[in-house]
């Protein structure tokens, strides 16, 4: 499967390999940044459901004291 195509000029095999390496690095960095952002969003959303944030006392707490 071809993801990109050279439409002009006659690049050498080395030039094509260099372009492939650059595109791979840029896309890998972009993917890592997106995954990091999604993980941060998930962590921020998860903290709303933590038990220590529950404003209600546990059952039977009115009996203590």
Protein backbone atom coordinates (compact mmCIF):
# COMPACT_ATOMS: atom_id res chain seq x y z
CA UNK A 1 0.00 0.00 0.00
CA UNK A 2 1.43 3.36 -1.02
CA UNK A 3 0.79 6.16 1.47
CA UNK A 4 2.50 8.91 -0.50
CA UNK A 5 3.73 9.44 -4.04
CA UNK A 6 6.49 11.56 -5.59
CA UNK A 7 4.90 13.45 -8.48
CA UNK A 8 7.85 15.44 -9.78
CA UNK A 9 11.57 15.13 -10.23
CA UNK A 10 13.68 12.02 -10.09
CA UNK A 11 14.89 11.48 -6.52
CA UNK A 12 17.58 8.94 -5.84
CA UNK A 13 17.01 5.99 -3.53
CA UNK A 14 18.96 7.83 -0.82
CA UNK A 15 16.79 10.95 -1.15
CA UNK A 16 13.65 8.86 -0.98
CA UNK A 17 14.97 7.06 2.09
CA UNK A 18 15.81 10.39 3.76
CA UNK A 19 12.31 11.71 3.07
CA UNK A 20 10.81 8.51 4.46
CA UNK A 21 12.89 8.84 7.64
CA UNK A 22 11.83 12.46 8.15
CA UNK A 23 8.15 11.74 7.56
CA UNK A 24 8.28 8.76 9.91
CA UNK A 25 9.87 10.85 12.67
CA UNK A 26 7.35 13.68 12.27
CA UNK A 27 4.38 11.32 12.28
CA UNK A 28 5.74 9.39 15.28
CA UNK A 29 6.15 12.64 17.24
CA UNK A 30 2.63 13.73 16.28
CA UNK A 31 1.17 10.38 17.33
CA UNK A 32 3.03 10.42 20.65
CA UNK A 33 1.81 13.95 21.40
CA UNK A 34 -1.78 12.96 20.61
CA UNK A 35 -1.57 9.85 22.82
CA UNK A 36 -0.06 11.92 25.65
CA UNK A 37 -2.88 14.47 25.38
CA UNK A 38 -5.50 11.72 25.43
CA UNK A 39 -3.88 10.13 28.48
CA UNK A 40 -3.86 13.48 30.28
CA UNK A 41 -7.55 14.01 29.47
CA UNK A 42 -8.36 10.53 30.76
CA UNK A 43 -6.42 11.10 33.98
CA UNK A 44 -8.16 14.42 34.59
CA UNK A 45 -11.58 12.87 34.07
CA UNK A 46 -10.76 9.91 36.30
CA UNK A 47 -9.98 12.01 39.35
CA UNK A 48 -13.65 13.02 39.67
CA UNK A 49 -14.51 9.44 40.55
CA UNK A 50 -11.96 8.90 43.29
CA UNK A 51 -13.39 7.74 46.63
CA UNK A 52 -11.53 10.38 48.65
CA UNK A 53 -13.52 13.07 46.81
CA UNK A 54 -16.86 11.66 48.00
CA UNK A 55 -18.54 14.43 50.07
CA UNK A 56 -20.88 11.98 51.82
CA UNK A 57 -19.80 10.21 55.03
CA UNK A 58 -19.79 6.40 54.93
CA UNK A 59 -22.77 4.47 56.24
CA UNK A 60 -22.90 4.43 60.03
CA UNK A 61 -20.66 7.49 60.42
CA UNK A 62 -23.40 9.36 62.33
CA UNK A 63 -22.99 6.86 65.18
CA UNK A 64 -19.37 7.76 65.86
CA UNK A 65 -18.39 10.39 68.33
